[in-house]
Amino acid sequence: MFITTSLTSDLVTLAVTFLVILICYFKWSFQYWKRCGIPYLEPEIPFGNLSNAIRGKEHSGVTFKRIYNEMKHKGWKYGGIYIFTKPQFFPTDLELVRNVVTKDFQHFVDRDIFVNEKQPLQAHLLNLKGDKWRNLRSKLSPTFTSGKMKMMFSVMEECQNDLQKRLDKECLKNEPIDIKEILACFTTNIIGSCAFGLEFKALEDEDSSFRVFGRKMFQSSKWSSFKRVFVTTFPKFSKLLNVSIARKDIADFVINMVDDTVKYREKNNYTRNDFMQLLINLKNNAPSISGDHDGKPLTMDEVASQALVFFAAGFETSSTLMTFALYELSKNQEIQDRLRKEIRQGLARHDNAITYDSVQDIKYLSQVLDESLRLHPPASALNRLCVKDYKIPNEDVVIKKGTSVLISVLGIHHDKDIYPDPDKFEPDRFSDENRKSRHNYAHIPFGEGPRNCIGMRFGLLQAKVGLVSLIKDYRFTVNKKTKEPLVYKSSSIVLAVDGEVWLNAEKVA
């Protein structure tokens, strides 16, 4: 009895001691910005300033937007926050944002992303740092020139024919349309052909293995969202525990697909002007690829890693963009009618053909997409890692090496001082005149500077093709199955609607 009582007492004492030490550690950690002389928002134990997002109550982009608004209300050009105990520098001044991502890029070359090198498919452009990133970026850049986009356009044009056929079938059903699913099938087909030279047939077969794979890639739970935040906040501890945020089934699928494609092309001496061919060339003969890089060949893991990120970014972000654009057009019929008119006029100037030049010639289409990206940027925040001490211009403040920098894209895009009535869908904000009146960094859906989205041209082009194909012949309205006002899925990597966007569609003369 004495032993049991003593043991219980010791365990309670140990637990209390541990709890006191833990609280003291949090309180000490939460003084970092105060010690640096930088204003900060009061954090809460244990999640810092990201309690709602980490607990799955809202998307992290919404949390960062709220933080942005609070700092702006206080008149701060920048401030400090915490994710768990990890300090995050949070700029709100657009000149400072410009310095971080472009002007003083040498101080912020890297993204603060957790990478477990023991896991496959980690060596892609989003993850790499320093010279490894520079070399790979230089090697891949030739894929995304305007000339290459024109060469790939015929594939996009073929896919839009399949998109129209699919929508015709949906209209005959006279049922609500899950528009994101159809658009994801459309972009999956484009990526399959342009990137891999494969016919995915996702629009024809809803259970296509490639569409099933695409869904898996972006299926996320509250646990996986928590794990993503945890590994970024505690990278050393995560590496010690060999934590992985990669999924074996996804890695195996990509590795097998890439391996089969490479073997077929090399065995049959088959070449094709697509993304996969560039990767094969980099694997076999890197020095012949133009650009300022090390000339070293890619490994098969590096080839598969690029294929993975190109597939993921290529189909998901563009289908997300088109989904939000169609939702906003469905809510604003006058704008939809104007766009349809300008699409038809634009095509008429090019013999009523959907071509690279005819699509690019529709100026109002670009404005609609820009406004959709402002309201609902798929990438709602940017992060950078300070790689060497940085003194903020004209201030006695230094951002220390190793500090993470968070930029709220959603916050900037909804800033009422930049965009009056920011929740209103108004494409004329992006007329030439209005665009010139704003700061260059007031609209950054693809990031900016040397580390911006390398596939921006490709993503916008396939979004334009999709919208032209749909809007010219169909009128869209919001179905009551859509939950309004829209709420973003808390666990989603990119902005996505909770409950999906359901639309009605009818043919128009």
Protein backbone atom coordinates (compact mmCIF):
# COMPACT_ATOMS: atom_id res chain seq x y z
CA MET A 1 0.00 0.00 0.00
CA PHE A 2 2.85 2.36 0.90
CA ILE A 3 4.68 1.53 -2.33
CA THR A 4 1.55 2.13 -4.42
CA THR A 5 0.84 5.47 -2.73
CA SER A 6 4.47 6.54 -3.11
CA LEU A 7 4.57 5.57 -6.79
CA THR A 8 1.34 7.42 -7.51
CA SER A 9 2.68 10.49 -5.73
CA ASP A 10 5.95 10.33 -7.69
CA LEU A 11 4.11 10.01 -11.00
CA VAL A 12 1.87 12.97 -10.20
CA THR A 13 4.90 15.02 -9.17
CA LEU A 14 6.70 14.03 -12.37
CA ALA A 15 3.69 14.92 -14.52
CA VAL A 16 3.24 18.28 -12.82
CA THR A 17 6.94 19.05 -13.17
CA PHE A 18 6.88 18.14 -16.86
CA LEU A 19 3.79 20.29 -17.40
CA VAL A 20 5.39 23.28 -15.64
CA ILE A 21 8.57 22.91 -17.71
CA LEU A 22 6.50 22.63 -20.91
CA ILE A 23 4.49 25.75 -20.09
CA CYS A 24 7.69 27.63 -19.25
CA TYR A 25 9.16 26.53 -22.58
CA PHE A 26 6.12 27.80 -24.45
CA LYS A 27 6.13 31.11 -22.59
CA TRP A 28 9.86 31.57 -23.25
CA SER A 29 9.45 30.67 -26.94
CA PHE A 30 6.54 33.08 -27.24
CA GLN A 31 8.84 35.94 -26.24
CA TYR A 32 10.98 35.62 -29.39
CA TRP A 33 9.42 38.52 -31.29
CA LYS A 34 9.47 40.69 -28.19
CA ARG A 35 13.20 40.03 -27.83
CA CYS A 36 13.63 40.99 -31.51
CA GLY A 37 11.72 44.25 -31.04
CA ILE A 38 9.08 43.24 -33.58
CA PRO A 39 5.35 43.70 -32.86
CA TYR A 40 3.46 40.44 -32.59
CA LEU A 41 0.01 39.00 -32.02
CA GLU A 42 -0.44 37.18 -28.73
CA PRO A 43 -0.22 33.41 -29.24
CA GLU A 44 -2.06 30.68 -27.34
CA ILE A 45 -0.59 27.49 -25.91
CA PRO A 46 -0.03 25.11 -27.66
CA PHE A 47 -0.93 26.12 -31.25
CA GLY A 48 0.39 29.67 -31.27
CA ASN A 49 -1.68 31.85 -33.62
CA LEU A 50 -3.00 29.01 -35.75
CA SER A 51 -5.39 27.35 -33.32
CA ASN A 52 -8.46 27.26 -35.60
CA ALA A 53 -6.54 25.97 -38.61
CA ILE A 54 -4.62 23.28 -36.73
CA ARG A 55 -7.79 22.06 -35.03
CA GLY A 56 -9.49 21.83 -38.44
CA LYS A 57 -12.02 24.58 -37.84
CA GLU A 58 -11.01 26.61 -40.90
CA HIS A 59 -8.56 26.63 -43.78
CA SER A 60 -5.14 28.02 -42.89
CA GLY A 61 -5.51 30.62 -45.66
CA VAL A 62 -8.54 32.05 -43.87
CA THR A 63 -6.57 32.19 -40.61
CA PHE A 64 -3.69 34.02 -42.31
CA LYS A 65 -6.17 36.44 -43.90
CA ARG A 66 -7.56 37.25 -40.45
CA ILE A 67 -4.04 37.81 -39.12
CA TYR A 68 -3.28 40.08 -42.08
CA ASN A 69 -6.41 42.14 -41.40
CA GLU A 70 -5.60 42.46 -37.70
CA MET A 71 -2.07 43.67 -38.40
CA LYS A 72 -3.30 46.12 -41.03
CA HIS A 73 -5.90 47.43 -38.57
CA LYS A 74 -3.11 48.06 -36.06
CA GLY A 75 -1.15 49.94 -38.72
CA TRP A 76 1.72 47.44 -38.79
CA LYS A 77 3.86 46.98 -41.91
CA TYR A 78 4.89 43.63 -40.51
CA GLY A 79 4.53 41.56 -37.40
CA GLY A 80 5.29 38.25 -35.78
CA ILE A 81 3.15 35.18 -35.22
CA TYR A 82 3.78 31.63 -34.07
CA ILE A 83 2.84 28.21 -35.39
CA PHE A 84 3.20 26.11 -32.28
CA THR A 85 6.44 27.60 -30.93
CA LYS A 86 7.95 28.39 -34.33
CA PRO A 87 8.16 32.13 -35.05
CA GLN A 88 6.88 33.35 -38.44
CA PHE A 89 7.62 36.79 -39.84
CA PHE A 90 4.45 38.19 -41.41
CA PRO A 91 4.78 41.19 -43.80
CA THR A 92 1.72 43.23 -44.80
CA ASP A 93 3.50 46.09 -46.58
CA LEU A 94 3.64 45.40 -50.33
CA GLU A 95 7.08 46.96 -50.74
CA LEU A 96 8.40 44.58 -48.10
CA VAL A 97 6.65 41.68 -49.84
CA ARG A 98 8.37 42.73 -53.07
CA ASN A 99 11.74 42.81 -51.28
CA VAL A 100 11.26 39.31 -49.90
CA VAL A 101 10.15 37.55 -53.07
CA THR A 102 12.06 39.55 -55.71
CA LYS A 103 14.32 42.50 -54.94
CA ASP A 104 16.28 40.89 -52.09
CA PHE A 105 15.60 37.33 -53.18
CA GLN A 106 19.14 36.22 -52.31
CA HIS A 107 18.14 36.46 -48.64
CA PHE A 108 14.98 34.38 -49.17
CA VAL A 109 15.91 31.82 -51.82
CA ASP A 110 14.31 28.81 -50.15
CA ARG A 111 10.83 27.73 -49.19
CA ASP A 112 10.39 26.56 -45.61
CA ILE A 113 9.18 23.07 -46.52
CA PHE A 114 9.87 19.84 -44.66
CA VAL A 115 11.63 17.23 -46.79
CA ASN A 116 12.37 13.67 -45.68
CA GLU A 117 15.16 12.63 -48.06
CA LYS A 118 14.62 8.98 -47.11
CA GLN A 119 11.24 9.04 -48.87
CA PRO A 120 10.88 8.78 -52.67
CA LEU A 121 9.72 11.62 -54.92
CA GLN A 122 10.99 14.44 -52.71
CA ALA A 123 13.51 15.95 -55.17
CA HIS A 124 11.09 18.22 -57.03
CA LEU A 125 11.12 21.92 -57.74
CA LEU A 126 8.83 22.90 -54.86
CA ASN A 127 11.02 21.19 -52.26
CA LEU A 128 14.59 21.81 -53.39
CA LYS A 129 16.75 24.52 -51.90
CA GLY A 130 19.77 26.63 -52.82
CA ASP A 131 21.91 25.53 -55.75
CA LYS A 132 19.90 22.32 -56.27
CA TRP A 133 16.81 24.42 -56.86
CA ARG A 134 18.62 26.91 -59.13
CA ASN A 135 20.05 24.15 -61.31
CA LEU A 136 16.74 22.35 -61.70
CA ARG A 137 14.78 25.55 -62.35
CA SER A 138 17.19 26.45 -65.14
CA LYS A 139 16.90 22.98 -66.67
CA LEU A 140 13.10 22.98 -66.62
CA SER A 141 12.44 26.58 -67.72
CA PRO A 142 12.67 25.82 -71.49
CA THR A 143 9.50 23.70 -71.17
CA PHE A 144 7.28 26.66 -70.34
CA THR A 145 8.11 29.25 -73.00
CA SER A 146 5.38 30.78 -75.18
CA GLY A 147 6.70 28.75 -78.11
CA LYS A 148 6.25 25.47 -76.22
CA MET A 149 2.75 26.52 -75.16
CA LYS A 150 1.79 27.03 -78.81
CA MET A 151 3.13 23.57 -79.66
CA MET A 152 1.04 21.97 -76.91
CA PHE A 153 -2.13 23.86 -77.83
CA SER A 154 -3.41 21.31 -80.34
CA VAL A 155 -3.67 18.78 -77.49
CA MET A 156 -5.68 21.24 -75.39
CA GLU A 157 -7.98 21.90 -78.33
CA GLU A 158 -8.67 18.18 -78.73
CA CYS A 159 -9.43 17.86 -75.01
CA GLN A 160 -11.93 20.72 -75.12
CA ASN A 161 -13.93 18.77 -77.72
CA ASP A 162 -14.22 15.94 -75.20
CA LEU A 163 -15.19 18.49 -72.54
CA GLN A 164 -18.10 19.71 -74.68
CA LYS A 165 -19.26 16.14 -75.33
CA ARG A 166 -19.22 15.43 -71.60
CA LEU A 167 -21.20 18.56 -70.79
CA ASP A 168 -23.76 17.73 -73.47
CA LYS A 169 -24.34 14.42 -71.69
CA GLU A 170 -24.61 16.15 -68.32
CA CYS A 171 -27.19 18.59 -69.66
CA LEU A 172 -29.37 15.73 -70.93
CA LYS A 173 -29.52 14.30 -67.41
CA ASN A 174 -31.11 17.53 -66.15
CA GLU A 175 -29.36 17.09 -62.80
CA PRO A 176 -26.98 19.26 -60.74
CA ILE A 177 -23.44 19.19 -62.14
CA ASP A 178 -20.39 18.75 -59.90
CA ILE A 179 -18.43 21.16 -62.06
CA LYS A 180 -15.09 20.69 -60.27
CA GLU A 181 -15.14 16.96 -61.04
CA ILE A 182 -15.73 17.52 -64.76
CA LEU A 183 -13.06 20.21 -64.97
CA ALA A 184 -10.59 18.02 -63.07
CA CYS A 185 -11.18 15.28 -65.66
CA PHE A 186 -10.56 17.83 -68.42
CA THR A 187 -7.26 19.04 -66.95
CA THR A 188 -6.24 15.46 -66.14
CA ASN A 189 -6.58 14.60 -69.84
CA ILE A 190 -4.53 17.64 -70.86
CA ILE A 191 -1.75 16.86 -68.40
CA GLY A 192 -1.72 13.23 -69.46
CA SER A 193 -1.13 14.10 -73.08
CA CYS A 194 1.03 17.24 -72.77
CA ALA A 195 3.21 15.91 -69.97
CA PHE A 196 3.34 12.17 -70.50
CA GLY A 197 2.13 11.49 -74.02
CA LEU A 198 -0.61 9.25 -72.61
CA GLU A 199 -4.37 9.20 -73.15
CA PHE A 200 -5.96 9.28 -69.70
CA LYS A 201 -9.59 9.37 -70.99
CA ALA A 202 -10.82 10.77 -67.68
CA LEU A 203 -13.76 12.61 -69.28
CA GLU A 204 -15.01 9.45 -70.92
CA ASP A 205 -14.42 7.14 -67.94
CA GLU A 206 -15.15 8.53 -64.46
CA ASP A 207 -13.29 5.57 -62.97
CA SER A 208 -10.17 6.10 -65.07
CA SER A 209 -7.16 5.00 -63.01
CA PHE A 210 -5.54 8.40 -63.55
CA ARG A 211 -8.59 10.32 -62.32
CA VAL A 212 -8.84 8.01 -59.29
CA PHE A 213 -5.15 8.69 -58.68
CA GLY A 214 -5.72 12.44 -58.98
CA ARG A 215 -8.49 12.33 -56.39
CA LYS A 216 -6.26 10.41 -54.00
CA MET A 217 -3.49 12.99 -54.30
CA PHE A 218 -5.70 15.74 -52.92
CA GLN A 219 -7.73 13.75 -50.42
CA SER A 220 -6.74 15.15 -47.07
CA SER A 221 -7.87 14.60 -43.51
CA LYS A 222 -7.56 16.75 -40.41
CA TRP A 223 -4.80 14.40 -39.27
CA SER A 224 -2.77 14.79 -42.46
CA SER A 225 -3.23 18.59 -42.30
CA PHE A 226 -2.02 18.57 -38.69
CA LYS A 227 0.96 16.43 -39.70
CA ARG A 228 1.93 18.86 -42.48
CA VAL A 229 1.99 21.72 -39.99
CA PHE A 230 3.84 19.64 -37.40
CA VAL A 231 6.69 18.51 -39.66
CA THR A 232 7.28 22.05 -40.90
CA THR A 233 7.27 23.40 -37.35
CA PHE A 234 9.46 20.66 -35.85
CA PRO A 235 11.60 19.44 -38.80
CA LYS A 236 14.51 18.03 -36.76
CA PHE A 237 12.21 16.09 -34.44
CA SER A 238 10.21 14.85 -37.44
CA LYS A 239 13.36 13.62 -39.19
CA LEU A 240 14.47 11.88 -36.01
CA LEU A 241 11.15 10.05 -35.94
CA ASN A 242 11.34 9.46 -39.74
CA VAL A 243 7.94 11.10 -40.20
CA SER A 244 6.65 11.08 -43.75
CA ILE A 245 3.87 13.13 -45.29
CA ALA A 246 4.21 11.22 -48.58
CA ARG A 247 1.88 8.33 -49.41
CA LYS A 248 3.31 5.07 -50.65
CA ASP A 249 0.40 4.29 -52.99
CA ILE A 250 0.82 7.65 -54.74
CA ALA A 251 4.60 7.27 -54.97
CA ASP A 252 4.29 3.76 -56.42
CA PHE A 253 1.75 4.85 -59.03
CA VAL A 254 3.93 7.71 -60.30
CA ILE A 255 7.16 5.70 -60.23
CA ASN A 256 5.58 2.86 -62.23
CA MET A 257 3.97 5.24 -64.75
CA VAL A 258 7.20 7.15 -65.33
CA ASP A 259 9.34 4.02 -65.44
CA ASP A 260 7.06 2.42 -68.06
CA THR A 261 6.97 5.58 -70.18
CA VAL A 262 10.75 6.08 -70.11
CA LYS A 263 11.46 2.43 -70.93
CA TYR A 264 9.01 2.43 -73.84
CA ARG A 265 10.44 5.60 -75.37
CA GLU A 266 14.05 4.57 -74.98
CA LYS A 267 13.48 1.02 -76.22
CA ASN A 268 11.52 2.17 -79.29
CA ASN A 269 13.58 5.32 -79.90
CA TYR A 270 10.34 7.29 -79.64
CA THR A 271 10.47 11.03 -78.98
CA ARG A 272 7.68 13.55 -78.43
CA ASN A 273 7.75 17.27 -77.78
CA ASP A 274 6.39 17.16 -74.23
CA PHE A 275 7.39 17.54 -70.62
CA MET A 276 8.37 13.89 -70.21
CA GLN A 277 10.74 14.10 -73.18
CA LEU A 278 12.53 17.04 -71.59
CA LEU A 279 12.99 15.02 -68.41
CA ILE A 280 14.31 12.06 -70.40
CA ASN A 281 16.74 14.38 -72.20
CA LEU A 282 17.89 15.75 -68.86
CA LYS A 283 18.41 12.21 -67.63
CA ASN A 284 20.42 11.15 -70.68
CA ASN A 285 22.09 14.27 -72.00
CA ALA A 286 21.77 17.18 -69.55
CA PRO A 287 24.74 19.24 -70.88
CA SER A 288 22.92 19.75 -74.20
CA ILE A 289 20.02 21.53 -72.46
CA SER A 290 20.48 25.30 -72.65
CA GLY A 291 20.61 27.37 -69.49
CA ASP A 292 22.82 28.22 -66.54
CA HIS A 293 23.00 24.91 -64.68
CA ASP A 294 25.47 22.26 -63.54
CA GLY A 295 24.98 19.95 -66.53
CA LYS A 296 24.49 16.92 -64.31
CA PRO A 297 21.94 14.32 -65.48
CA LEU A 298 18.73 13.72 -63.56
CA THR A 299 18.28 10.47 -61.68
CA MET A 300 15.12 8.40 -62.24
CA ASP A 301 13.86 9.52 -58.82
CA GLU A 302 14.33 13.15 -59.87
CA VAL A 303 12.52 12.50 -63.16
CA ALA A 304 9.60 10.90 -61.30
CA SER A 305 9.60 13.72 -58.70
CA GLN A 306 9.12 16.39 -61.39
CA ALA A 307 6.44 14.30 -63.07
CA LEU A 308 4.56 14.06 -59.77
CA VAL A 309 4.53 17.79 -59.04
CA PHE A 310 3.72 18.70 -62.65
CA PHE A 311 0.77 16.32 -62.66
CA ALA A 312 -0.51 17.53 -59.29
CA ALA A 313 -0.11 21.25 -59.89
CA GLY A 314 -1.18 21.04 -63.51
CA PHE A 315 -4.58 19.46 -63.06
CA GLU A 316 -5.67 20.65 -59.61
CA THR A 317 -4.94 24.38 -59.63
CA SER A 318 -6.38 24.98 -63.11
CA SER A 319 -9.55 23.00 -62.41
CA THR A 320 -9.91 24.90 -59.11
CA LEU A 321 -9.50 28.23 -60.92
CA MET A 322 -12.14 27.36 -63.55
CA THR A 323 -14.52 26.09 -60.85
CA PHE A 324 -14.41 29.37 -58.93
CA ALA A 325 -14.65 31.38 -62.16
CA LEU A 326 -17.78 29.51 -63.27
CA TYR A 327 -19.32 29.89 -59.80
CA GLU A 328 -18.78 33.66 -59.84
CA LEU A 329 -20.05 33.92 -63.42
CA SER A 330 -23.13 31.93 -62.41
CA LYS A 331 -23.77 34.43 -59.60
CA ASN A 332 -23.26 37.38 -61.96
CA GLN A 333 -25.25 36.78 -65.13
CA GLU A 334 -24.48 40.18 -66.67
CA ILE A 335 -20.78 39.45 -66.46
CA GLN A 336 -21.33 35.96 -67.88
CA ASP A 337 -23.29 37.42 -70.80
CA ARG A 338 -20.58 39.97 -71.49
CA LEU A 339 -17.90 37.29 -71.43
CA ARG A 340 -19.91 35.06 -73.77
CA LYS A 341 -20.32 37.96 -76.19
CA GLU A 342 -16.63 38.81 -76.13
CA ILE A 343 -15.65 35.14 -76.52
CA ARG A 344 -17.84 34.81 -79.60
CA GLN A 345 -16.52 38.07 -81.05
CA GLY A 346 -12.96 37.00 -80.35
CA LEU A 347 -13.43 33.64 -82.05
CA ALA A 348 -15.14 35.32 -85.01
CA ARG A 349 -11.95 37.28 -85.64
CA HIS A 350 -10.19 33.91 -86.07
CA ASP A 351 -12.65 32.01 -88.30
CA ASN A 352 -14.59 30.83 -85.23
CA ALA A 353 -11.76 28.47 -84.31
CA ILE A 354 -10.39 27.90 -80.81
CA THR A 355 -6.70 28.52 -81.44
CA TYR A 356 -3.79 29.77 -79.36
CA ASP A 357 -4.11 33.25 -80.87
CA SER A 358 -7.92 33.44 -80.64
CA VAL A 359 -7.92 32.48 -76.96
CA GLN A 360 -5.19 34.97 -76.12
CA ASP A 361 -7.07 37.66 -78.07
CA ILE A 362 -10.05 37.65 -75.66
CA LYS A 363 -8.97 40.33 -73.21
CA TYR A 364 -12.02 40.19 -70.95
CA LEU A 365 -11.40 36.47 -70.41
CA SER A 366 -8.04 37.31 -68.82
CA GLN A 367 -9.77 39.86 -66.58
CA VAL A 368 -12.33 37.28 -65.45
CA LEU A 369 -9.59 34.80 -64.59
CA ASP A 370 -7.52 37.44 -62.79
CA GLU A 371 -10.51 38.47 -60.70
CA SER A 372 -11.29 34.82 -59.89
CA LEU A 373 -7.67 34.36 -58.81
CA ARG A 374 -7.97 37.46 -56.66
CA LEU A 375 -11.08 36.28 -54.87
CA HIS A 376 -10.09 32.61 -54.58
CA PRO A 377 -6.33 32.12 -55.07
CA PRO A 378 -5.67 28.34 -55.06
CA ALA A 379 -2.38 29.01 -53.25
CA SER A 380 -3.68 31.20 -50.43
CA ALA A 381 -0.27 31.90 -48.87
CA LEU A 382 3.42 31.96 -49.77
CA ASN A 383 6.31 31.03 -47.54
CA ARG A 384 10.00 31.77 -47.74
CA LEU A 385 12.96 30.94 -45.53
CA CYS A 386 15.49 33.60 -44.60
CA VAL A 387 18.86 32.07 -45.55
CA LYS A 388 21.00 34.97 -44.32
CA ASP A 389 20.31 37.86 -41.95
CA TYR A 390 18.21 40.58 -43.58
CA LYS A 391 17.95 44.16 -42.37
CA ILE A 392 14.60 45.69 -43.25
CA PRO A 393 15.28 48.85 -45.30
CA ASN A 394 15.07 52.12 -43.36
CA GLU A 395 14.41 50.29 -40.09
CA ASP A 396 16.53 49.04 -37.22
CA VAL A 397 15.11 45.53 -37.51
CA VAL A 398 16.86 42.37 -38.68
CA ILE A 399 15.15 39.17 -39.81
CA LYS A 400 17.47 36.44 -38.55
CA LYS A 401 18.77 33.59 -40.67
CA GLY A 402 16.49 30.55 -40.33
CA THR A 403 13.33 32.61 -39.84
CA SER A 404 10.25 31.58 -41.80
CA VAL A 405 8.37 34.30 -43.69
CA LEU A 406 4.63 33.97 -44.37
CA ILE A 407 2.81 36.09 -46.95
CA SER A 408 -0.98 36.03 -46.97
CA VAL A 409 -2.04 36.05 -50.63
CA LEU A 410 -5.70 35.81 -49.61
CA GLY A 411 -5.24 38.73 -47.21
CA ILE A 412 -3.60 40.97 -49.81
CA HIS A 413 -6.23 40.07 -52.43
CA HIS A 414 -9.07 40.99 -50.06
CA ASP A 415 -7.51 44.18 -48.68
CA LYS A 416 -10.23 46.84 -48.85
CA ASP A 417 -7.58 49.57 -49.11
CA ILE A 418 -6.39 48.00 -52.36
CA TYR A 419 -9.68 46.59 -53.67
CA PRO A 420 -12.81 48.53 -52.57
CA ASP A 421 -15.71 46.18 -51.81
CA PRO A 422 -13.23 43.27 -51.91
CA ASP A 423 -15.80 40.44 -51.79
CA LYS A 424 -17.51 41.63 -54.97
CA PHE A 425 -16.69 39.88 -58.27
CA GLU A 426 -15.66 42.70 -60.59
CA PRO A 427 -13.37 41.77 -63.54
CA ASP A 428 -13.00 45.43 -64.55
CA ARG A 429 -10.59 45.77 -61.62
CA PHE A 430 -8.11 44.26 -64.09
CA SER A 431 -8.60 46.67 -66.96
CA ASP A 432 -5.30 48.21 -68.10
CA GLU A 433 -6.13 51.49 -66.40
CA ASN A 434 -7.11 49.98 -63.05
CA ARG A 435 -4.19 47.57 -63.05
CA LYS A 436 -1.70 50.43 -63.51
CA SER A 437 -3.18 52.26 -60.53
CA ARG A 438 -2.24 49.47 -58.10
CA HIS A 439 1.00 48.19 -56.64
CA ASN A 440 2.58 45.46 -58.77
CA TYR A 441 2.43 43.05 -55.83
CA ALA A 442 -1.26 43.58 -55.05
CA HIS A 443 -2.09 40.50 -57.17
CA ILE A 444 0.21 37.51 -56.67
CA PRO A 445 -1.79 34.29 -57.23
CA PHE A 446 1.24 32.53 -58.75
CA GLY A 447 3.81 34.10 -56.45
CA GLU A 448 6.39 36.50 -57.83
CA GLY A 449 10.11 36.72 -58.38
CA PRO A 450 12.53 33.94 -59.33
CA ARG A 451 10.58 31.37 -57.32
CA ASN A 452 7.18 32.05 -58.85
CA CYS A 453 5.08 29.26 -60.38
CA ILE A 454 7.04 27.89 -63.34
CA GLY A 455 3.85 26.49 -64.91
CA MET A 456 1.83 29.72 -64.75
CA ARG A 457 1.52 30.09 -68.55
CA PHE A 458 0.44 26.48 -68.95
CA GLY A 459 -2.12 26.69 -66.15
CA LEU A 460 -3.70 29.90 -67.44
CA LEU A 461 -3.80 28.62 -71.01
CA GLN A 462 -5.70 25.44 -70.18
CA ALA A 463 -8.07 27.44 -67.95
CA LYS A 464 -8.76 29.81 -70.86
CA VAL A 465 -9.41 26.92 -73.24
CA GLY A 466 -11.81 25.33 -70.76
CA LEU A 467 -13.80 28.50 -70.13
CA VAL A 468 -13.99 29.42 -73.81
CA SER A 469 -15.26 25.93 -74.62
CA LEU A 470 -17.97 26.10 -71.95
CA ILE A 471 -19.12 29.72 -71.85
CA LYS A 472 -19.53 30.15 -75.62
CA ASP A 473 -22.27 27.48 -75.77
CA TYR A 474 -23.70 27.09 -72.25
CA ARG A 475 -25.34 29.26 -69.63
CA PHE A 476 -24.52 28.39 -66.04
CA THR A 477 -26.50 29.07 -62.89
CA VAL A 478 -25.92 28.02 -59.28
CA ASN A 479 -27.82 24.94 -58.17
CA LYS A 480 -29.37 24.99 -54.69
CA LYS A 481 -27.21 21.97 -53.82
CA THR A 482 -24.26 24.38 -53.51
CA LYS A 483 -23.82 25.43 -49.89
CA GLU A 484 -23.76 29.23 -49.71
CA PRO A 485 -21.97 31.28 -48.64
CA LEU A 486 -19.01 29.21 -49.79
CA VAL A 487 -16.80 27.74 -47.09
CA TYR A 488 -13.32 26.43 -47.86
CA LYS A 489 -12.44 22.88 -46.84
CA SER A 490 -10.26 23.17 -43.75
CA SER A 491 -8.05 20.20 -44.66
CA SER A 492 -7.52 21.02 -48.34
CA ILE A 493 -4.01 21.88 -49.57
CA VAL A 494 -5.35 24.36 -52.13
CA LEU A 495 -8.54 26.36 -51.67
CA ALA A 496 -11.49 24.08 -52.33
CA VAL A 497 -15.19 24.37 -51.55
CA ASP A 498 -16.69 22.34 -48.74
CA GLY A 499 -19.54 20.37 -50.33
CA GLU A 500 -18.34 21.19 -53.87
CA VAL A 501 -19.77 23.65 -56.40
CA TRP A 502 -22.95 22.40 -58.07
CA LEU A 503 -24.16 24.19 -61.18
CA ASN A 504 -26.99 24.00 -63.71
CA ALA A 505 -26.10 24.24 -67.40
CA GLU A 506 -28.21 24.82 -70.51
CA LYS A 507 -27.35 25.29 -74.16
CA VAL A 508 -27.64 28.85 -75.49
CA ALA A 509 -28.15 29.94 -79.08
